[in-house]
């Protein structure tokens, strides 16, 4: 669409919008905002930054220890 066609379309829409009561003008604005959100262009994902969170995670010392059988039983308190 050429810029002159777009400008004519905008001017025509504004002229018609000005003739509507305030409540309908608000509805038109709400619809325009809806369309703007619906057809928003997705942003490309940001590249990962190696080492960004270095040192922020930890693993407990007993991570590789076997799980006790009591963990799997139905008799645990609180369950």
C-alpha atoms as a PDB file:
ATOM      1  CA  UNK A   1       0.000   0.000   0.000  1.00  0.00           C
ATOM      2  CA  UNK A   2       1.472   3.353  -0.962  1.00  0.00           C
ATOM      3  CA  UNK A   3       1.972   6.101   1.603  1.00  0.00           C
ATOM      4  CA  UNK A   4      -0.631   8.329  -0.074  1.00  0.00           C
ATOM      5  CA  UNK A   5      -3.201   5.518   0.025  1.00  0.00           C
ATOM      6  CA  UNK A   6      -2.359   4.893   3.677  1.00  0.00           C
ATOM      7  CA  UNK A   7      -2.694   8.606   4.456  1.00  0.00           C
ATOM      8  CA  UNK A   8      -6.088   8.758   2.716  1.00  0.00           C
ATOM      9  CA  UNK A   9      -7.242   5.708   4.653  1.00  0.00           C
ATOM     10  CA  UNK A  10      -6.152   7.256   7.959  1.00  0.00           C
ATOM     11  CA  UNK A  11      -7.856  10.559   7.171  1.00  0.00           C
ATOM     12  CA  UNK A  12     -11.067   8.782   6.197  1.00  0.00           C
ATOM     13  CA  UNK A  13     -11.000   6.683   9.381  1.00  0.00           C
ATOM     14  CA  UNK A  14     -10.434   9.766  11.538  1.00  0.00           C
ATOM     15  CA  UNK A  15     -13.283  11.631   9.852  1.00  0.00           C
ATOM     16  CA  UNK A  16     -15.678   8.751  10.474  1.00  0.00           C
ATOM     17  CA  UNK A  17     -14.374   8.232  14.014  1.00  0.00           C
ATOM     18  CA  UNK A  18     -15.074  11.871  14.873  1.00  0.00           C
ATOM     19  CA  UNK A  19     -18.732  11.385  13.940  1.00  0.00           C
ATOM     20  CA  UNK A  20     -19.199   8.579  16.472  1.00  0.00           C
ATOM     21  CA  UNK A  21     -20.289   9.113  20.081  1.00  0.00           C
ATOM     22  CA  UNK A  22     -17.499   8.809  22.702  1.00  0.00           C
ATOM     23  CA  UNK A  23     -18.531   5.284  23.738  1.00  0.00           C
ATOM     24  CA  UNK A  24     -18.192   3.967  20.170  1.00  0.00           C
ATOM     25  CA  UNK A  25     -14.919   5.891  19.740  1.00  0.00           C
ATOM     26  CA  UNK A  26     -13.594   4.004  22.772  1.00  0.00           C
ATOM     27  CA  UNK A  27     -14.744   0.702  21.244  1.00  0.00           C
ATOM     28  CA  UNK A  28     -12.869   1.518  18.047  1.00  0.00           C
ATOM     29  CA  UNK A  29      -9.747   2.335  20.046  1.00  0.00           C
ATOM     30  CA  UNK A  30     -10.084  -0.925  22.004  1.00  0.00           C
ATOM     31  CA  UNK A  31     -10.366  -2.854  18.738  1.00  0.00           C
ATOM     32  CA  UNK A  32      -7.297  -1.132  17.283  1.00  0.00           C
ATOM     33  CA  UNK A  33      -5.320  -2.040  20.417  1.00  0.00           C
ATOM     34  CA  UNK A  34      -6.558  -5.636  20.124  1.00  0.00           C
ATOM     35  CA  UNK A  35      -5.404  -5.835  16.507  1.00  0.00           C
ATOM     36  CA  UNK A  36      -2.039  -4.314  17.374  1.00  0.00           C
ATOM     37  CA  UNK A  37      -1.488  -7.027  20.002  1.00  0.00           C
ATOM     38  CA  UNK A  38      -2.803  -9.841  17.797  1.00  0.00           C
ATOM     39  CA  UNK A  39      -0.533  -9.059  14.879  1.00  0.00           C
ATOM     40  CA  UNK A  40       2.553  -8.004  16.795  1.00  0.00           C
ATOM     41  CA  UNK A  41       5.745  -9.174  15.145  1.00  0.00           C
ATOM     42  CA  UNK A  42       7.536 -11.785  17.256  1.00  0.00           C
ATOM     43  CA  UNK A  43      10.996 -10.766  18.341  1.00  0.00           C
ATOM     44  CA  UNK A  44      13.823 -13.151  17.489  1.00  0.00           C
ATOM     45  CA  UNK A  45      15.141 -14.961  20.548  1.00  0.00           C
ATOM     46  CA  UNK A  46      18.161 -13.403  22.181  1.00  0.00           C
ATOM     47  CA  UNK A  47      21.354 -15.444  21.912  1.00  0.00           C
ATOM     48  CA  UNK A  48      22.433 -17.298  25.015  1.00  0.00           C
ATOM     49  CA  UNK A  49      25.280 -15.846  27.006  1.00  0.00           C
ATOM     50  CA  UNK A  50      27.679 -18.557  28.213  1.00  0.00           C
ATOM     51  CA  UNK A  51      28.564 -18.234  31.882  1.00  0.00           C
ATOM     52  CA  UNK A  52      25.884 -15.649  32.610  1.00  0.00           C
ATOM     53  CA  UNK A  53      24.759 -17.418  35.812  1.00  0.00           C
ATOM     54  CA  UNK A  54      28.038 -19.093  36.701  1.00  0.00           C
ATOM     55  CA  UNK A  55      28.179 -20.044  40.386  1.00  0.00           C
ATOM     56  CA  UNK A  56      24.479 -19.443  41.004  1.00  0.00           C
ATOM     57  CA  UNK A  57      23.428 -23.112  41.093  1.00  0.00           C
ATOM     58  CA  UNK A  58      24.523 -25.900  43.409  1.00  0.00           C
ATOM     59  CA  UNK A  59      24.060 -29.611  43.927  1.00  0.00           C
ATOM     60  CA  UNK A  60      23.822 -31.048  47.433  1.00  0.00           C
ATOM     61  CA  UNK A  61      26.550 -33.382  48.627  1.00  0.00           C
ATOM     62  CA  UNK A  62      24.116 -36.325  48.838  1.00  0.00           C
ATOM     63  CA  UNK A  63      22.776 -35.891  45.293  1.00  0.00           C
ATOM     64  CA  UNK A  64      24.074 -39.270  44.073  1.00  0.00           C
ATOM     65  CA  UNK A  65      23.251 -41.199  47.254  1.00  0.00           C
ATOM     66  CA  UNK A  66      20.624 -43.937  46.933  1.00  0.00           C
ATOM     67  CA  UNK A  67      17.066 -42.969  47.805  1.00  0.00           C
ATOM     68  CA  UNK A  68      15.900 -44.556  51.033  1.00  0.00           C
ATOM     69  CA  UNK A  69      13.033 -47.073  50.727  1.00  0.00           C
ATOM     70  CA  UNK A  70      10.960 -45.003  53.164  1.00  0.00           C
ATOM     71  CA  UNK A  71      10.729 -42.330  50.493  1.00  0.00           C
ATOM     72  CA  UNK A  72       8.714 -44.657  48.261  1.00  0.00           C
ATOM     73  CA  UNK A  73       6.382 -46.016  50.972  1.00  0.00           C
ATOM     74  CA  UNK A  74       2.858 -44.755  51.520  1.00  0.00           C
ATOM     75  CA  UNK A  75       3.412 -44.506  55.269  1.00  0.00           C
ATOM     76  CA  UNK A  76       5.311 -41.223  55.189  1.00  0.00           C
ATOM     77  CA  UNK A  77       3.896 -38.697  57.592  1.00  0.00           C
ATOM     78  CA  UNK A  78       2.190 -35.741  56.014  1.00  0.00           C
ATOM     79  CA  UNK A  79       1.110 -37.563  52.844  1.00  0.00           C
END
